Amino acid sequence: TCVGASKEDVNAVAQAYWDAGVKHIV
């Protein structure tokens, strides 16, 4: 989700997903 978070924080989570082998985001 993006509520209450900066783009930097959201992007960091997305990158962590990708690095963990999670290539799909809801």
PDB file of all heavy atoms in Angstrom:
ATOM      1  N   THR A   1       0.845  -1.196   0.000  1.00  0.00           N
ATOM      2  CA  THR A   1       0.000   0.000   0.000  1.00  0.00           C
ATOM      3  C   THR A   1       0.879   1.243   0.000  1.00  0.00           C
ATOM      4  O   THR A   1       2.061   1.197   0.358  1.00  0.00           O
ATOM      5  CB  THR A   1      -0.926   0.039   1.227  1.00  0.00           C
ATOM      6  OG1 THR A   1      -0.132   0.200   2.416  1.00  0.00           O
ATOM      7  CG2 THR A   1      -1.752  -1.234   1.345  1.00  0.00           C
ATOM      8  N   CYS A   2       0.276   2.362  -0.401  1.00  0.00           N
ATOM      9  CA  CYS A   2       1.029   3.617  -0.415  1.00  0.00           C
ATOM     10  C   CYS A   2       0.505   4.631   0.591  1.00  0.00           C
ATOM     11  O   CYS A   2       1.067   5.725   0.713  1.00  0.00           O
ATOM     12  CB  CYS A   2       1.032   4.216  -1.822  1.00  0.00           C
ATOM     13  SG  CYS A   2      -0.597   4.586  -2.510  1.00  0.00           S
ATOM     14  N   VAL A   3      -0.549   4.307   1.327  1.00  0.00           N
ATOM     15  CA  VAL A   3      -1.109   5.245   2.287  1.00  0.00           C
ATOM     16  C   VAL A   3      -0.100   5.521   3.400  1.00  0.00           C
ATOM     17  O   VAL A   3       0.534   4.606   3.934  1.00  0.00           O
ATOM     18  CB  VAL A   3      -2.442   4.727   2.874  1.00  0.00           C
ATOM     19  CG1 VAL A   3      -2.248   3.432   3.654  1.00  0.00           C
ATOM     20  CG2 VAL A   3      -3.097   5.777   3.761  1.00  0.00           C
ATOM     21  N   GLY A   4       0.099   6.791   3.724  1.00  0.00           N
ATOM     22  CA  GLY A   4       0.943   7.165   4.850  1.00  0.00           C
ATOM     23  C   GLY A   4       2.420   6.898   4.661  1.00  0.00           C
ATOM     24  O   GLY A   4       3.167   6.839   5.650  1.00  0.00           O
ATOM     25  N   ALA A   5       2.885   6.740   3.419  1.00  0.00           N
ATOM     26  CA  ALA A   5       4.294   6.424   3.187  1.00  0.00           C
ATOM     27  C   ALA A   5       4.836   7.228   2.014  1.00  0.00           C
ATOM     28  O   ALA A   5       4.116   7.518   1.056  1.00  0.00           O
ATOM     29  CB  ALA A   5       4.463   4.936   2.920  1.00  0.00           C
ATOM     30  N   SER A   6       6.097   7.557   2.092  1.00  0.00           N
ATOM     31  CA  SER A   6       6.746   8.265   0.990  1.00  0.00           C
ATOM     32  C   SER A   6       7.048   7.291  -0.148  1.00  0.00           C
ATOM     33  O   SER A   6       7.068   6.063   0.043  1.00  0.00           O
ATOM     34  CB  SER A   6       8.050   8.900   1.470  1.00  0.00           C
ATOM     35  OG  SER A   6       9.005   7.881   1.778  1.00  0.00           O
ATOM     36  N   LYS A   7       7.291   7.835  -1.327  1.00  0.00           N
ATOM     37  CA  LYS A   7       7.684   6.982  -2.451  1.00  0.00           C
ATOM     38  C   LYS A   7       8.957   6.214  -2.125  1.00  0.00           C
ATOM     39  O   LYS A   7       9.091   5.038  -2.487  1.00  0.00           O
ATOM     40  CB  LYS A   7       7.893   7.838  -3.704  1.00  0.00           C
ATOM     41  CG  LYS A   7       6.627   8.397  -4.314  1.00  0.00           C
ATOM     42  CD  LYS A   7       6.926   9.156  -5.598  1.00  0.00           C
ATOM     43  CE  LYS A   7       5.645   9.709  -6.218  1.00  0.00           C
ATOM     44  NZ  LYS A   7       5.905  10.444  -7.474  1.00  0.00           N
ATOM     45  N   GLU A   8       9.870   6.874  -1.450  1.00  0.00           N
ATOM     46  CA  GLU A   8      11.129   6.214  -1.100  1.00  0.00           C
ATOM     47  C   GLU A   8      10.883   4.972  -0.254  1.00  0.00           C
ATOM     48  O   GLU A   8      11.472   3.905  -0.491  1.00  0.00           O
ATOM     49  CB  GLU A   8      12.038   7.193  -0.348  1.00  0.00           C
ATOM     50  CG  GLU A   8      13.401   6.621  -0.002  1.00  0.00           C
ATOM     51  CD  GLU A   8      14.290   7.622   0.720  1.00  0.00           C
ATOM     52  OE1 GLU A   8      13.817   8.745   0.990  1.00  0.00           O
ATOM     53  OE2 GLU A   8      15.453   7.273   1.008  1.00  0.00           O
ATOM     54  N   ASP A   9      10.000   5.085   0.744  1.00  0.00           N
ATOM     55  CA  ASP A   9       9.707   3.942   1.613  1.00  0.00           C
ATOM     56  C   ASP A   9       8.996   2.835   0.843  1.00  0.00           C
ATOM     57  O   ASP A   9       9.320   1.655   0.990  1.00  0.00           O
ATOM     58  CB  ASP A   9       8.849   4.383   2.799  1.00  0.00           C
ATOM     59  CG  ASP A   9       9.638   5.193   3.822  1.00  0.00           C
ATOM     60  OD1 ASP A   9      10.882   5.131   3.792  1.00  0.00           O
ATOM     61  OD2 ASP A   9       8.998   5.896   4.633  1.00  0.00           O
ATOM     62  N   VAL A  10       8.013   3.207   0.038  1.00  0.00           N
ATOM     63  CA  VAL A  10       7.267   2.209  -0.743  1.00  0.00           C
ATOM     64  C   VAL A  10       8.202   1.505  -1.723  1.00  0.00           C
ATOM     65  O   VAL A  10       8.172   0.270  -1.860  1.00  0.00           O
ATOM     66  CB  VAL A  10       6.096   2.874  -1.489  1.00  0.00           C
ATOM     67  CG1 VAL A  10       5.442   1.881  -2.443  1.00  0.00           C
ATOM     68  CG2 VAL A  10       5.068   3.408  -0.492  1.00  0.00           C
ATOM     69  N   ASN A  11       9.037   2.269  -2.383  1.00  0.00           N
ATOM     70  CA  ASN A  11       9.959   1.678  -3.358  1.00  0.00           C
ATOM     71  C   ASN A  11      10.957   0.731  -2.694  1.00  0.00           C
ATOM     72  O   ASN A  11      11.351  -0.283  -3.281  1.00  0.00           O
ATOM     73  CB  ASN A  11      10.708   2.778  -4.102  1.00  0.00           C
ATOM     74  CG  ASN A  11       9.808   3.612  -4.999  1.00  0.00           C
ATOM     75  OD1 ASN A  11       8.647   3.288  -5.180  1.00  0.00           O
ATOM     76  ND2 ASN A  11      10.345   4.690  -5.539  1.00  0.00           N
ATOM     77  N   ALA A  12      11.344   1.062  -1.468  1.00  0.00           N
ATOM     78  CA  ALA A  12      12.271   0.198  -0.741  1.00  0.00           C
ATOM     79  C   ALA A  12      11.632  -1.155  -0.445  1.00  0.00           C
ATOM     80  O   ALA A  12      12.290  -2.208  -0.536  1.00  0.00           O
ATOM     81  CB  ALA A  12      12.714   0.874   0.559  1.00  0.00           C
ATOM     82  N   VAL A  13      10.348  -1.152  -0.090  1.00  0.00           N
ATOM     83  CA  VAL A  13       9.649  -2.413   0.145  1.00  0.00           C
ATOM     84  C   VAL A  13       9.555  -3.216  -1.154  1.00  0.00           C
ATOM     85  O   VAL A  13       9.799  -4.425  -1.176  1.00  0.00           O
ATOM     86  CB  VAL A  13       8.242  -2.164   0.729  1.00  0.00           C
ATOM     87  CG1 VAL A  13       7.479  -3.483   0.873  1.00  0.00           C
ATOM     88  CG2 VAL A  13       8.333  -1.462   2.079  1.00  0.00           C
ATOM     89  N   ALA A  14       9.193  -2.531  -2.231  1.00  0.00           N
ATOM     90  CA  ALA A  14       9.089  -3.217  -3.525  1.00  0.00           C
ATOM     91  C   ALA A  14      10.426  -3.842  -3.919  1.00  0.00           C
ATOM     92  O   ALA A  14      10.471  -4.987  -4.387  1.00  0.00           O
ATOM     93  CB  ALA A  14       8.628  -2.234  -4.600  1.00  0.00           C
ATOM     94  N   GLN A  15      11.513  -3.123  -3.711  1.00  0.00           N
ATOM     95  CA  GLN A  15      12.829  -3.662  -4.053  1.00  0.00           C
ATOM     96  C   GLN A  15      13.169  -4.865  -3.175  1.00  0.00           C
ATOM     97  O   GLN A  15      13.763  -5.848  -3.637  1.00  0.00           O
ATOM     98  CB  GLN A  15      13.896  -2.575  -3.903  1.00  0.00           C
ATOM     99  CG  GLN A  15      15.273  -2.994  -4.418  1.00  0.00           C
ATOM    100  CD  GLN A  15      15.267  -3.266  -5.912  1.00  0.00           C
ATOM    101  OE1 GLN A  15      14.893  -2.413  -6.711  1.00  0.00           O
ATOM    102  NE2 GLN A  15      15.695  -4.474  -6.301  1.00  0.00           N
ATOM    103  N   ALA A  16      12.779  -4.790  -1.894  1.00  0.00           N
ATOM    104  CA  ALA A  16      13.020  -5.925  -0.992  1.00  0.00           C
ATOM    105  C   ALA A  16      12.242  -7.151  -1.449  1.00  0.00           C
ATOM    106  O   ALA A  16      12.743  -8.284  -1.367  1.00  0.00           O
ATOM    107  CB  ALA A  16      12.633  -5.548   0.439  1.00  0.00           C
ATOM    108  N   TYR A  17      11.011  -6.945  -1.924  1.00  0.00           N
ATOM    109  CA  TYR A  17      10.240  -8.069  -2.472  1.00  0.00           C
ATOM    110  C   TYR A  17      10.992  -8.689  -3.649  1.00  0.00           C
ATOM    111  O   TYR A  17      11.167  -9.910  -3.726  1.00  0.00           O
ATOM    112  CB  TYR A  17       8.874  -7.582  -2.966  1.00  0.00           C
ATOM    113  CG  TYR A  17       7.840  -7.296  -1.895  1.00  0.00           C
ATOM    114  CD1 TYR A  17       6.613  -6.735  -2.234  1.00  0.00           C
ATOM    115  CD2 TYR A  17       8.065  -7.575  -0.551  1.00  0.00           C
ATOM    116  CE1 TYR A  17       5.639  -6.458  -1.278  1.00  0.00           C
ATOM    117  CE2 TYR A  17       7.107  -7.310   0.414  1.00  0.00           C
ATOM    118  CZ  TYR A  17       5.899  -6.746   0.040  1.00  0.00           C
ATOM    119  OH  TYR A  17       4.944  -6.481   0.982  1.00  0.00           O
ATOM    120  N   TRP A  18      11.413  -7.840  -4.576  1.00  0.00           N
ATOM    121  CA  TRP A  18      12.090  -8.340  -5.778  1.00  0.00           C
ATOM    122  C   TRP A  18      13.354  -9.116  -5.403  1.00  0.00           C
ATOM    123  O   TRP A  18      13.610 -10.210  -5.926  1.00  0.00           O
ATOM    124  CB  TRP A  18      12.429  -7.169  -6.695  1.00  0.00           C
ATOM    125  CG  TRP A  18      13.013  -7.586  -8.014  1.00  0.00           C
ATOM    126  CD1 TRP A  18      14.335  -7.758  -8.326  1.00  0.00           C
ATOM    127  CD2 TRP A  18      12.281  -7.918  -9.196  1.00  0.00           C
ATOM    128  NE1 TRP A  18      14.473  -8.175  -9.624  1.00  0.00           N
ATOM    129  CE2 TRP A  18      13.231  -8.273 -10.187  1.00  0.00           C
ATOM    130  CE3 TRP A  18      10.922  -7.938  -9.512  1.00  0.00           C
ATOM    131  CZ2 TRP A  18      12.856  -8.651 -11.478  1.00  0.00           C
ATOM    132  CZ3 TRP A  18      10.547  -8.305 -10.802  1.00  0.00           C
ATOM    133  CH2 TRP A  18      11.513  -8.659 -11.765  1.00  0.00           C
ATOM    134  N   ASP A  19      14.130  -8.569  -4.472  1.00  0.00           N
ATOM    135  CA  ASP A  19      15.371  -9.223  -4.052  1.00  0.00           C
ATOM    136  C   ASP A  19      15.101 -10.554  -3.363  1.00  0.00           C
ATOM    137  O   ASP A  19      15.963 -11.450  -3.377  1.00  0.00           O
ATOM    138  CB  ASP A  19      16.160  -8.304  -3.114  1.00  0.00           C
ATOM    139  CG  ASP A  19      16.672  -7.049  -3.810  1.00  0.00           C
ATOM    140  OD1 ASP A  19      16.697  -7.029  -5.056  1.00  0.00           O
ATOM    141  OD2 ASP A  19      17.026  -6.081  -3.094  1.00  0.00           O
ATOM    142  N   ALA A  20      13.917 -10.699  -2.755  1.00  0.00           N
ATOM    143  CA  ALA A  20      13.544 -11.947  -2.079  1.00  0.00           C
ATOM    144  C   ALA A  20      12.935 -12.966  -3.032  1.00  0.00           C
ATOM    145  O   ALA A  20      12.539 -14.058  -2.612  1.00  0.00           O
ATOM    146  CB  ALA A  20      12.566 -11.654  -0.946  1.00  0.00           C
ATOM    147  N   GLY A  21      12.843 -12.618  -4.307  1.00  0.00           N
ATOM    148  CA  GLY A  21      12.278 -13.540  -5.289  1.00  0.00           C
ATOM    149  C   GLY A  21      10.787 -13.388  -5.486  1.00  0.00           C
ATOM    150  O   GLY A  21      10.152 -14.232  -6.124  1.00  0.00           O
ATOM    151  N   VAL A  22      10.215 -12.298  -4.951  1.00  0.00           N
ATOM    152  CA  VAL A  22       8.780 -12.034  -5.101  1.00  0.00           C
ATOM    153  C   VAL A  22       8.615 -11.041  -6.246  1.00  0.00           C
ATOM    154  O   VAL A  22       8.892  -9.848  -6.086  1.00  0.00           O
ATOM    155  CB  VAL A  22       8.176 -11.486  -3.798  1.00  0.00           C
ATOM    156  CG1 VAL A  22       6.695 -11.168  -3.978  1.00  0.00           C
ATOM    157  CG2 VAL A  22       8.372 -12.485  -2.658  1.00  0.00           C
ATOM    158  N   LYS A  23       8.161 -11.541  -7.387  1.00  0.00           N
ATOM    159  CA  LYS A  23       8.097 -10.730  -8.605  1.00  0.00           C
ATOM    160  C   LYS A  23       6.689 -10.229  -8.911  1.00  0.00           C
ATOM    161  O   LYS A  23       6.433  -9.698  -9.990  1.00  0.00           O
ATOM    162  CB  LYS A  23       8.612 -11.543  -9.804  1.00  0.00           C
ATOM    163  CG  LYS A  23       9.901 -12.298  -9.562  1.00  0.00           C
ATOM    164  CD  LYS A  23      11.072 -11.382  -9.228  1.00  0.00           C
ATOM    165  CE  LYS A  23      12.387 -12.157  -9.140  1.00  0.00           C
ATOM    166  NZ  LYS A  23      13.517 -11.314  -8.733  1.00  0.00           N
ATOM    167  N   HIS A  24       5.789 -10.410  -7.986  1.00  0.00           N
ATOM    168  CA  HIS A  24       4.372 -10.068  -8.181  1.00  0.00           C
ATOM    169  C   HIS A  24       3.926  -9.224  -6.993  1.00  0.00           C
ATOM    170  O   HIS A  24       4.150  -9.588  -5.835  1.00  0.00           O
ATOM    171  CB  HIS A  24       3.561 -11.375  -8.268  1.00  0.00           C
ATOM    172  CG  HIS A  24       2.095 -11.204  -8.496  1.00  0.00           C
ATOM    173  ND1 HIS A  24       1.260 -12.291  -8.733  1.00  0.00           N
ATOM    174  CD2 HIS A  24       1.281 -10.120  -8.525  1.00  0.00           C
ATOM    175  CE1 HIS A  24       0.029 -11.860  -8.899  1.00  0.00           C
ATOM    176  NE2 HIS A  24       0.016 -10.551  -8.765  1.00  0.00           N
ATOM    177  N   ILE A  25       3.298  -8.094  -7.265  1.00  0.00           N
ATOM    178  CA  ILE A  25       2.797  -7.214  -6.207  1.00  0.00           C
ATOM    179  C   ILE A  25       1.299  -6.989  -6.388  1.00  0.00           C
ATOM    180  O   ILE A  25       0.821  -6.770  -7.501  1.00  0.00           O
ATOM    181  CB  ILE A  25       3.536  -5.860  -6.212  1.00  0.00           C
ATOM    182  CG1 ILE A  25       4.961  -6.041  -5.688  1.00  0.00           C
ATOM    183  CG2 ILE A  25       2.802  -4.816  -5.375  1.00  0.00           C
ATOM    184  CD1 ILE A  25       5.781  -4.761  -5.645  1.00  0.00           C
ATOM    185  N   VAL A  26       0.568  -7.068  -5.276  1.00  0.00           N
ATOM    186  CA  VAL A  26      -0.834  -6.658  -5.241  1.00  0.00           C
ATOM    187  C   VAL A  26      -0.816  -5.198  -4.784  1.00  0.00           C
ATOM    188  O   VAL A  26      -0.583  -4.904  -3.602  1.00  0.00           O
ATOM    189  CB  VAL A  26      -1.669  -7.531  -4.287  1.00  0.00           C
ATOM    190  CG1 VAL A  26      -3.123  -7.075  -4.291  1.00  0.00           C
ATOM    191  CG2 VAL A  26      -1.580  -9.007  -4.695  1.00  0.00           C
TER     192      VAL A  26
END
